C-alpha atoms as a PDB file:
ATOM      1  CA  MET A   1     119.756  46.263 137.904  1.00  0.00           C
ATOM      2  CA  PRO A   2     117.458  47.574 140.654  1.00  0.00           C
ATOM      3  CA  CYS A   3     117.972  46.452 144.220  1.00  0.00           C
ATOM      4  CA  ARG A   4     114.372  45.967 145.278  1.00  0.00           C
ATOM      5  CA  GLN A   5     115.274  45.426 148.934  1.00  0.00           C
ATOM      6  CA  SER A   6     116.365  49.079 149.098  1.00  0.00           C
ATOM      7  CA  ARG A   7     112.702  50.137 148.924  1.00  0.00           C
ATOM      8  CA  ASP A   8     112.112  48.683 152.382  1.00  0.00           C
ATOM      9  CA  THR A   9     114.782  50.941 153.884  1.00  0.00           C
ATOM     10  CA  VAL A  10     113.616  54.348 152.556  1.00  0.00           C
ATOM     11  CA  VAL A  11     113.083  56.992 155.255  1.00  0.00           C
ATOM     12  CA  LEU A  12     111.881  60.514 154.437  1.00  0.00           C
ATOM     13  CA  VAL A  13     114.029  63.140 156.172  1.00  0.00           C
ATOM     14  CA  SER A  14     114.109  66.927 156.365  1.00  0.00           C
ATOM     15  CA  ARG A  15     117.892  67.096 156.057  1.00  0.00           C
ATOM     16  CA  CYS A  16     120.932  64.951 155.478  1.00  0.00           C
ATOM     17  CA  PRO A  17     123.753  64.608 157.985  1.00  0.00           C
ATOM     18  CA  ARG A  18     125.934  67.711 158.067  1.00  0.00           C
ATOM     19  CA  ASN A  19     129.135  66.216 159.402  1.00  0.00           C
ATOM     20  CA  LYS A  20     130.941  62.934 159.900  1.00  0.00           C
ATOM     21  CA  ILE A  21     129.509  62.294 163.370  1.00  0.00           C
ATOM     22  CA  GLU A  22     125.925  62.816 162.179  1.00  0.00           C
ATOM     23  CA  TRP A  23     126.607  60.598 159.140  1.00  0.00           C
ATOM     24  CA  ILE A  24     127.981  57.776 161.278  1.00  0.00           C
ATOM     25  CA  THR A  25     125.077  58.107 163.725  1.00  0.00           C
ATOM     26  CA  ARG A  26     122.444  57.858 160.986  1.00  0.00           C
ATOM     27  CA  ALA A  27     124.305  55.018 159.252  1.00  0.00           C
ATOM     28  CA  ASP A  28     124.436  53.134 162.557  1.00  0.00           C
ATOM     29  CA  ILE A  29     120.690  53.608 163.060  1.00  0.00           C
ATOM     30  CA  LEU A  30     119.822  52.262 159.598  1.00  0.00           C
ATOM     31  CA  ASN A  31     122.380  49.463 160.050  1.00  0.00           C
ATOM     32  CA  CYS A  32     122.441  48.761 156.311  1.00  0.00           C
ATOM     33  CA  SER A  33     125.013  45.978 156.265  1.00  0.00           C
ATOM     34  CA  PHE A  34     122.603  43.872 158.348  1.00  0.00           C
ATOM     35  CA  SER A  35     119.522  44.605 156.222  1.00  0.00           C
ATOM     36  CA  PRO A  36     118.166  41.500 154.509  1.00  0.00           C
ATOM     37  CA  GLN A  37     119.078  41.768 150.829  1.00  0.00           C
ATOM     38  CA  THR A  38     120.610  39.736 148.033  1.00  0.00           C
ATOM     39  CA  CYS A  39     121.885  42.529 145.777  1.00  0.00           C
ATOM     40  CA  VAL A  40     125.495  42.800 146.912  1.00  0.00           C
ATOM     41  CA  VAL A  41     127.813  41.599 149.647  1.00  0.00           C
ATOM     42  CA  PRO A  42     126.741  43.141 152.980  1.00  0.00           C
ATOM     43  CA  GLU A  43     129.666  45.614 153.126  1.00  0.00           C
ATOM     44  CA  LYS A  44     128.538  47.154 149.820  1.00  0.00           C
ATOM     45  CA  PHE A  45     124.945  47.735 151.010  1.00  0.00           C
ATOM     46  CA  GLN A  46     125.457  51.153 152.579  1.00  0.00           C
ATOM     47  CA  TYR A  47     123.717  54.207 153.970  1.00  0.00           C
ATOM     48  CA  HIS A  48     122.953  57.064 151.578  1.00  0.00           C
ATOM     49  CA  CYS A  49     121.131  60.365 152.008  1.00  0.00           C
ATOM     50  CA  VAL A  50     119.970  61.634 148.636  1.00  0.00           C
ATOM     51  CA  LEU A  51     117.325  63.579 146.779  1.00  0.00           C
ATOM     52  CA  ASN A  52     114.135  61.664 146.190  1.00  0.00           C
ATOM     53  CA  GLU A  53     113.142  60.514 142.723  1.00  0.00           C
ATOM     54  CA  ASN A  54     111.425  63.838 141.909  1.00  0.00           C
ATOM     55  CA  ALA A  55     114.125  66.023 143.498  1.00  0.00           C
ATOM     56  CA  THR A  56     111.495  67.480 145.856  1.00  0.00           C
ATOM     57  CA  GLY A  57     112.758  66.067 149.145  1.00  0.00           C
ATOM     58  CA  LEU A  58     115.407  63.966 150.845  1.00  0.00           C
ATOM     59  CA  VAL A  59     115.503  60.293 151.708  1.00  0.00           C
ATOM     60  CA  GLU A  60     117.819  58.066 153.650  1.00  0.00           C
ATOM     61  CA  VAL A  61     118.169  54.653 152.081  1.00  0.00           C
ATOM     62  CA  CYS A  62     120.313  51.551 152.176  1.00  0.00           C
ATOM     63  CA  ALA A  63     121.546  50.762 148.693  1.00  0.00           C
ATOM     64  CA  PRO A  64     124.548  49.266 146.916  1.00  0.00           C
ATOM     65  CA  PHE A  65     127.616  51.505 146.972  1.00  0.00           C
ATOM     66  CA  LYS A  66     129.487  52.039 143.747  1.00  0.00           C
ATOM     67  CA  THR A  67     132.273  54.529 143.109  1.00  0.00           C
ATOM     68  CA  ILE A  68     132.320  55.472 139.453  1.00  0.00           C
ATOM     69  CA  HIS A  69     135.045  58.096 139.803  1.00  0.00           C
ATOM     70  CA  GLY A  70     137.108  58.929 142.779  1.00  0.00           C
ATOM     71  CA  ASN A  71     140.311  59.658 144.536  1.00  0.00           C
ATOM     72  CA  LYS A  72     141.145  59.921 148.209  1.00  0.00           C
ATOM     73  CA  HIS A  73     139.336  63.284 148.490  1.00  0.00           C
ATOM     74  CA  LYS A  74     136.198  62.928 146.349  1.00  0.00           C
ATOM     75  CA  HIS A  75     133.783  60.248 145.276  1.00  0.00           C
ATOM     76  CA  LEU A  76     130.964  60.451 142.810  1.00  0.00           C
ATOM     77  CA  ILE A  77     128.318  57.992 143.910  1.00  0.00           C
ATOM     78  CA  ILE A  78     125.421  56.726 141.853  1.00  0.00           C
ATOM     79  CA  LEU A  79     122.427  54.993 143.294  1.00  0.00           C
ATOM     80  CA  PRO A  80     120.704  52.374 141.231  1.00  0.00           C
ATOM     81  CA  LYS A  81     116.999  52.736 140.656  1.00  0.00           C
ATOM     82  CA  ILE A  82     115.391  51.079 143.660  1.00  0.00           C
ATOM     83  CA  CYS A  83     111.815  50.696 142.467  1.00  0.00           C
END
């Protein structure tokens, strides 16, 4: 099910964070867990930097986090459709 509140958090960017410090900095700026939404518990509404819908650019977005396969070294993350 789409999380429509994610649309309000989309930011076009020229690149995604390249290391942990940059990731934490950008996540802190978007402050996703405090974004108004009713999709998931606040801790699961997290920062993502991903390809846009057409795979022609990058966006930062707050969206529900879901691990569909993972171990302590790798996670495959899927983003629900937000529109």
